[in-house]
Amino acid sequence: EPLSRQFAGKGDRFNGVGWHERIG
């Protein structure tokens, strides 16, 4: 839920978010 709210807001949405490369 906090991640969803972060990506629904403004600013650096990837701040503190773990992610990995995918083809898309």
PDB file of all heavy atoms in Angstrom:
ATOM      1  N   GLU A   1       0.824  -1.215   0.000  1.00  0.00           N
ATOM      2  CA  GLU A   1       0.000   0.000   0.000  1.00  0.00           C
ATOM      3  C   GLU A   1       0.859   1.267   0.000  1.00  0.00           C
ATOM      4  O   GLU A   1       0.605   2.179  -0.801  1.00  0.00           O
ATOM      5  CB  GLU A   1      -0.974   0.012   1.178  1.00  0.00           C
ATOM      6  CG  GLU A   1      -1.820   1.279   1.203  1.00  0.00           C
ATOM      7  CD  GLU A   1      -2.799   1.341   2.368  1.00  0.00           C
ATOM      8  OE1 GLU A   1      -3.103   0.295   2.969  1.00  0.00           O
ATOM      9  OE2 GLU A   1      -3.252   2.462   2.661  1.00  0.00           O
ATOM     10  N   PRO A   2       1.894   1.381   0.857  1.00  0.00           N
ATOM     11  CA  PRO A   2       2.727   2.594   0.805  1.00  0.00           C
ATOM     12  C   PRO A   2       3.389   2.785  -0.563  1.00  0.00           C
ATOM     13  O   PRO A   2       3.519   3.921  -1.041  1.00  0.00           O
ATOM     14  CB  PRO A   2       3.782   2.361   1.895  1.00  0.00           C
ATOM     15  CG  PRO A   2       3.164   1.370   2.825  1.00  0.00           C
ATOM     16  CD  PRO A   2       2.311   0.487   1.954  1.00  0.00           C
ATOM     17  N   LEU A   3       3.792   1.693  -1.200  1.00  0.00           N
ATOM     18  CA  LEU A   3       4.406   1.779  -2.526  1.00  0.00           C
ATOM     19  C   LEU A   3       3.400   2.296  -3.550  1.00  0.00           C
ATOM     20  O   LEU A   3       3.728   3.141  -4.393  1.00  0.00           O
ATOM     21  CB  LEU A   3       4.929   0.400  -2.936  1.00  0.00           C
ATOM     22  CG  LEU A   3       5.773   0.332  -4.191  1.00  0.00           C
ATOM     23  CD1 LEU A   3       7.075   1.109  -4.022  1.00  0.00           C
ATOM     24  CD2 LEU A   3       6.071  -1.122  -4.530  1.00  0.00           C
ATOM     25  N   SER A   4       2.165   1.827  -3.475  1.00  0.00           N
ATOM     26  CA  SER A   4       1.121   2.311  -4.374  1.00  0.00           C
ATOM     27  C   SER A   4       0.909   3.812  -4.193  1.00  0.00           C
ATOM     28  O   SER A   4       0.802   4.558  -5.173  1.00  0.00           O
ATOM     29  CB  SER A   4      -0.191   1.566  -4.119  1.00  0.00           C
ATOM     30  OG  SER A   4      -1.229   2.113  -4.893  1.00  0.00           O
ATOM     31  N   ARG A   5       0.851   4.251  -2.955  1.00  0.00           N
ATOM     32  CA  ARG A   5       0.669   5.685  -2.678  1.00  0.00           C
ATOM     33  C   ARG A   5       1.864   6.497  -3.195  1.00  0.00           C
ATOM     34  O   ARG A   5       1.704   7.592  -3.706  1.00  0.00           O
ATOM     35  CB  ARG A   5       0.465   5.913  -1.191  1.00  0.00           C
ATOM     36  CG  ARG A   5      -0.862   5.357  -0.693  1.00  0.00           C
ATOM     37  CD  ARG A   5      -1.094   5.685   0.781  1.00  0.00           C
ATOM     38  NE  ARG A   5      -2.265   5.052   1.305  1.00  0.00           N
ATOM     39  CZ  ARG A   5      -3.521   5.443   1.112  1.00  0.00           C
ATOM     40  NH1 ARG A   5      -3.758   6.503   0.371  1.00  0.00           N
ATOM     41  NH2 ARG A   5      -4.528   4.789   1.655  1.00  0.00           N
ATOM     42  N   GLN A   6       3.067   5.942  -3.063  1.00  0.00           N
ATOM     43  CA  GLN A   6       4.268   6.627  -3.547  1.00  0.00           C
ATOM     44  C   GLN A   6       4.200   6.814  -5.065  1.00  0.00           C
ATOM     45  O   GLN A   6       4.519   7.874  -5.580  1.00  0.00           O
ATOM     46  CB  GLN A   6       5.513   5.828  -3.156  1.00  0.00           C
ATOM     47  CG  GLN A   6       6.820   6.483  -3.540  1.00  0.00           C
ATOM     48  CD  GLN A   6       8.015   5.767  -2.929  1.00  0.00           C
ATOM     49  OE1 GLN A   6       7.914   5.150  -1.864  1.00  0.00           O
ATOM     50  NE2 GLN A   6       9.148   5.840  -3.583  1.00  0.00           N
ATOM     51  N   PHE A   7       3.766   5.781  -5.796  1.00  0.00           N
ATOM     52  CA  PHE A   7       3.695   5.873  -7.247  1.00  0.00           C
ATOM     53  C   PHE A   7       2.473   6.645  -7.730  1.00  0.00           C
ATOM     54  O   PHE A   7       2.400   7.016  -8.895  1.00  0.00           O
ATOM     55  CB  PHE A   7       3.753   4.484  -7.879  1.00  0.00           C
ATOM     56  CG  PHE A   7       5.160   3.988  -8.058  1.00  0.00           C
ATOM     57  CD1 PHE A   7       5.794   3.280  -7.057  1.00  0.00           C
ATOM     58  CD2 PHE A   7       5.860   4.252  -9.220  1.00  0.00           C
ATOM     59  CE1 PHE A   7       7.097   2.839  -7.209  1.00  0.00           C
ATOM     60  CE2 PHE A   7       7.169   3.817  -9.384  1.00  0.00           C
ATOM     61  CZ  PHE A   7       7.788   3.110  -8.372  1.00  0.00           C
ATOM     62  N   ALA A   8       1.511   6.897  -6.841  1.00  0.00           N
ATOM     63  CA  ALA A   8       0.361   7.726  -7.188  1.00  0.00           C
ATOM     64  C   ALA A   8       0.662   9.207  -6.956  1.00  0.00           C
ATOM     65  O   ALA A   8      -0.073  10.066  -7.431  1.00  0.00           O
ATOM     66  CB  ALA A   8      -0.861   7.309  -6.369  1.00  0.00           C
ATOM     67  N   GLY A   9       1.744   9.496  -6.240  1.00  0.00           N
ATOM     68  CA  GLY A   9       2.089  10.874  -5.913  1.00  0.00           C
ATOM     69  C   GLY A   9       3.053  11.495  -6.906  1.00  0.00           C
ATOM     70  O   GLY A   9       3.282  10.978  -7.999  1.00  0.00           O
ATOM     71  N   LYS A  10       3.609  12.604  -6.521  1.00  0.00           N
ATOM     72  CA  LYS A  10       4.583  13.332  -7.337  1.00  0.00           C
ATOM     73  C   LYS A  10       5.979  13.106  -6.776  1.00  0.00           C
ATOM     74  O   LYS A  10       6.154  12.554  -5.710  1.00  0.00           O
ATOM     75  CB  LYS A  10       4.261  14.839  -7.314  1.00  0.00           C
ATOM     76  CG  LYS A  10       2.879  15.182  -7.830  1.00  0.00           C
ATOM     77  CD  LYS A  10       2.806  15.034  -9.311  1.00  0.00           C
ATOM     78  CE  LYS A  10       1.442  15.487  -9.810  1.00  0.00           C
ATOM     79  NZ  LYS A  10       1.166  15.041 -11.144  1.00  0.00           N
ATOM     80  N   GLY A  11       6.971  13.558  -7.499  1.00  0.00           N
ATOM     81  CA  GLY A  11       8.347  13.464  -7.033  1.00  0.00           C
ATOM     82  C   GLY A  11       9.035  12.214  -7.536  1.00  0.00           C
ATOM     83  O   GLY A  11       8.577  11.552  -8.467  1.00  0.00           O
ATOM     84  N   ASP A  12      10.158  11.864  -6.882  1.00  0.00           N
ATOM     85  CA  ASP A  12      10.939  10.690  -7.273  1.00  0.00           C
ATOM     86  C   ASP A  12      10.238   9.446  -6.764  1.00  0.00           C
ATOM     87  O   ASP A  12      10.405   9.042  -5.617  1.00  0.00           O
ATOM     88  CB  ASP A  12      12.356  10.788  -6.710  1.00  0.00           C
ATOM     89  CG  ASP A  12      13.220   9.586  -7.092  1.00  0.00           C
ATOM     90  OD1 ASP A  12      12.763   8.724  -7.879  1.00  0.00           O
ATOM     91  OD2 ASP A  12      14.360   9.506  -6.601  1.00  0.00           O
ATOM     92  N   ARG A  13       9.474   8.826  -7.603  1.00  0.00           N
ATOM     93  CA  ARG A  13       8.676   7.670  -7.216  1.00  0.00           C
ATOM     94  C   ARG A  13       9.527   6.436  -6.934  1.00  0.00           C
ATOM     95  O   ARG A  13       9.078   5.521  -6.255  1.00  0.00           O
ATOM     96  CB  ARG A  13       7.639   7.376  -8.293  1.00  0.00           C
ATOM     97  CG  ARG A  13       6.630   8.502  -8.405  1.00  0.00           C
ATOM     98  CD  ARG A  13       5.689   8.295  -9.540  1.00  0.00           C
ATOM     99  NE  ARG A  13       4.701   9.367  -9.541  1.00  0.00           N
ATOM    100  CZ  ARG A  13       3.977   9.685 -10.586  1.00  0.00           C
ATOM    101  NH1 ARG A  13       4.110   9.017 -11.718  1.00  0.00           N
ATOM    102  NH2 ARG A  13       3.107  10.663 -10.513  1.00  0.00           N
ATOM    103  N   PHE A  14      10.745   6.381  -7.445  1.00  0.00           N
ATOM    104  CA  PHE A  14      11.614   5.225  -7.236  1.00  0.00           C
ATOM    105  C   PHE A  14      12.522   5.379  -6.012  1.00  0.00           C
ATOM    106  O   PHE A  14      13.313   4.490  -5.729  1.00  0.00           O
ATOM    107  CB  PHE A  14      12.446   4.953  -8.492  1.00  0.00           C
ATOM    108  CG  PHE A  14      11.677   4.229  -9.558  1.00  0.00           C
ATOM    109  CD1 PHE A  14      10.897   4.926 -10.461  1.00  0.00           C
ATOM    110  CD2 PHE A  14      11.712   2.844  -9.642  1.00  0.00           C
ATOM    111  CE1 PHE A  14      10.171   4.264 -11.441  1.00  0.00           C
ATOM    112  CE2 PHE A  14      10.990   2.166 -10.605  1.00  0.00           C
ATOM    113  CZ  PHE A  14      10.212   2.883 -11.507  1.00  0.00           C
ATOM    114  N   ASN A  15      12.393   6.465  -5.276  1.00  0.00           N
ATOM    115  CA  ASN A  15      13.217   6.696  -4.099  1.00  0.00           C
ATOM    116  C   ASN A  15      13.011   5.586  -3.068  1.00  0.00           C
ATOM    117  O   ASN A  15      11.908   5.370  -2.581  1.00  0.00           O
ATOM    118  CB  ASN A  15      12.886   8.057  -3.471  1.00  0.00           C
ATOM    119  CG  ASN A  15      13.787   8.384  -2.307  1.00  0.00           C
ATOM    120  OD1 ASN A  15      14.962   8.018  -2.295  1.00  0.00           O
ATOM    121  ND2 ASN A  15      13.239   9.060  -1.317  1.00  0.00           N
ATOM    122  N   GLY A  16      14.084   4.842  -2.773  1.00  0.00           N
ATOM    123  CA  GLY A  16      14.035   3.770  -1.785  1.00  0.00           C
ATOM    124  C   GLY A  16      13.347   2.504  -2.256  1.00  0.00           C
ATOM    125  O   GLY A  16      13.099   1.610  -1.458  1.00  0.00           O
ATOM    126  N   VAL A  17      13.040   2.409  -3.545  1.00  0.00           N
ATOM    127  CA  VAL A  17      12.310   1.265  -4.079  1.00  0.00           C
ATOM    128  C   VAL A  17      13.276   0.259  -4.704  1.00  0.00           C
ATOM    129  O   VAL A  17      14.078   0.617  -5.569  1.00  0.00           O
ATOM    130  CB  VAL A  17      11.272   1.725  -5.134  1.00  0.00           C
ATOM    131  CG1 VAL A  17      10.592   0.530  -5.796  1.00  0.00           C
ATOM    132  CG2 VAL A  17      10.251   2.653  -4.491  1.00  0.00           C
ATOM    133  N   GLY A  18      13.171  -0.999  -4.290  1.00  0.00           N
ATOM    134  CA  GLY A  18      13.980  -2.056  -4.886  1.00  0.00           C
ATOM    135  C   GLY A  18      13.347  -2.522  -6.189  1.00  0.00           C
ATOM    136  O   GLY A  18      12.139  -2.723  -6.254  1.00  0.00           O
ATOM    137  N   TRP A  19      14.174  -2.666  -7.203  1.00  0.00           N
ATOM    138  CA  TRP A  19      13.662  -3.137  -8.495  1.00  0.00           C
ATOM    139  C   TRP A  19      14.757  -3.845  -9.250  1.00  0.00           C
ATOM    140  O   TRP A  19      15.925  -3.749  -8.902  1.00  0.00           O
ATOM    141  CB  TRP A  19      13.071  -1.985  -9.319  1.00  0.00           C
ATOM    142  CG  TRP A  19      14.002  -0.855  -9.641  1.00  0.00           C
ATOM    143  CD1 TRP A  19      14.308   0.202  -8.830  1.00  0.00           C
ATOM    144  CD2 TRP A  19      14.748  -0.668 -10.840  1.00  0.00           C
ATOM    145  NE1 TRP A  19      15.201   1.030  -9.459  1.00  0.00           N
ATOM    146  CE2 TRP A  19      15.486   0.524 -10.701  1.00  0.00           C
ATOM    147  CE3 TRP A  19      14.868  -1.400 -12.025  1.00  0.00           C
ATOM    148  CZ2 TRP A  19      16.325   1.001 -11.690  1.00  0.00           C
ATOM    149  CZ3 TRP A  19      15.701  -0.917 -13.017  1.00  0.00           C
ATOM    150  CH2 TRP A  19      16.416   0.275 -12.833  1.00  0.00           C
ATOM    151  N   HIS A  20      14.344  -4.572 -10.280  1.00  0.00           N
ATOM    152  CA  HIS A  20      15.279  -5.334 -11.104  1.00  0.00           C
ATOM    153  C   HIS A  20      14.888  -5.140 -12.576  1.00  0.00           C
ATOM    154  O   HIS A  20      13.758  -4.776 -12.880  1.00  0.00           O
ATOM    155  CB  HIS A  20      15.272  -6.814 -10.710  1.00  0.00           C
ATOM    156  CG  HIS A  20      13.900  -7.418 -10.704  1.00  0.00           C
ATOM    157  ND1 HIS A  20      13.021  -7.279  -9.650  1.00  0.00           N
ATOM    158  CD2 HIS A  20      13.246  -8.159 -11.626  1.00  0.00           C
ATOM    159  CE1 HIS A  20      11.888  -7.904  -9.921  1.00  0.00           C
ATOM    160  NE2 HIS A  20      11.993  -8.440 -11.131  1.00  0.00           N
ATOM    161  N   GLU A  21      15.847  -5.393 -13.445  1.00  0.00           N
ATOM    162  CA  GLU A  21      15.605  -5.221 -14.887  1.00  0.00           C
ATOM    163  C   GLU A  21      14.698  -6.318 -15.430  1.00  0.00           C
ATOM    164  O   GLU A  21      14.845  -7.478 -15.081  1.00  0.00           O
ATOM    165  CB  GLU A  21      16.930  -5.240 -15.662  1.00  0.00           C
ATOM    166  CG  GLU A  21      17.777  -4.005 -15.476  1.00  0.00           C
ATOM    167  CD  GLU A  21      17.197  -2.759 -16.130  1.00  0.00           C
ATOM    168  OE1 GLU A  21      16.312  -2.861 -17.009  1.00  0.00           O
ATOM    169  OE2 GLU A  21      17.636  -1.664 -15.751  1.00  0.00           O
ATOM    170  N   ARG A  22      13.773  -5.917 -16.285  1.00  0.00           N
ATOM    171  CA  ARG A  22      12.922  -6.833 -17.040  1.00  0.00           C
ATOM    172  C   ARG A  22      12.867  -6.303 -18.472  1.00  0.00           C
ATOM    173  O   ARG A  22      13.240  -5.163 -18.727  1.00  0.00           O
ATOM    174  CB  ARG A  22      11.515  -6.897 -16.434  1.00  0.00           C
ATOM    175  CG  ARG A  22      11.534  -7.507 -15.014  1.00  0.00           C
ATOM    176  CD  ARG A  22      10.157  -7.848 -14.533  1.00  0.00           C
ATOM    177  NE  ARG A  22       9.451  -8.719 -15.458  1.00  0.00           N
ATOM    178  CZ  ARG A  22       9.497 -10.051 -15.450  1.00  0.00           C
ATOM    179  NH1 ARG A  22      10.238 -10.687 -14.571  1.00  0.00           N
ATOM    180  NH2 ARG A  22       8.803 -10.763 -16.314  1.00  0.00           N
ATOM    181  N   ILE A  23      12.356  -7.095 -19.404  1.00  0.00           N
ATOM    182  CA  ILE A  23      12.355  -6.641 -20.801  1.00  0.00           C
ATOM    183  C   ILE A  23      11.415  -5.469 -21.043  1.00  0.00           C
ATOM    184  O   ILE A  23      11.633  -4.675 -21.939  1.00  0.00           O
ATOM    185  CB  ILE A  23      12.046  -7.788 -21.798  1.00  0.00           C
ATOM    186  CG1 ILE A  23      10.686  -8.409 -21.533  1.00  0.00           C
ATOM    187  CG2 ILE A  23      13.132  -8.834 -21.774  1.00  0.00           C
ATOM    188  CD1 ILE A  23      10.255  -9.411 -22.591  1.00  0.00           C
ATOM    189  N   GLY A  24      10.374  -5.332 -20.216  1.00  0.00           N
ATOM    190  CA  GLY A  24       9.446  -4.221 -20.388  1.00  0.00           C
ATOM    191  C   GLY A  24       9.849  -2.969 -19.637  1.00  0.00           C
ATOM    192  O   GLY A  24       9.442  -1.866 -19.987  1.00  0.00           O
TER     193      GLY A  24
END
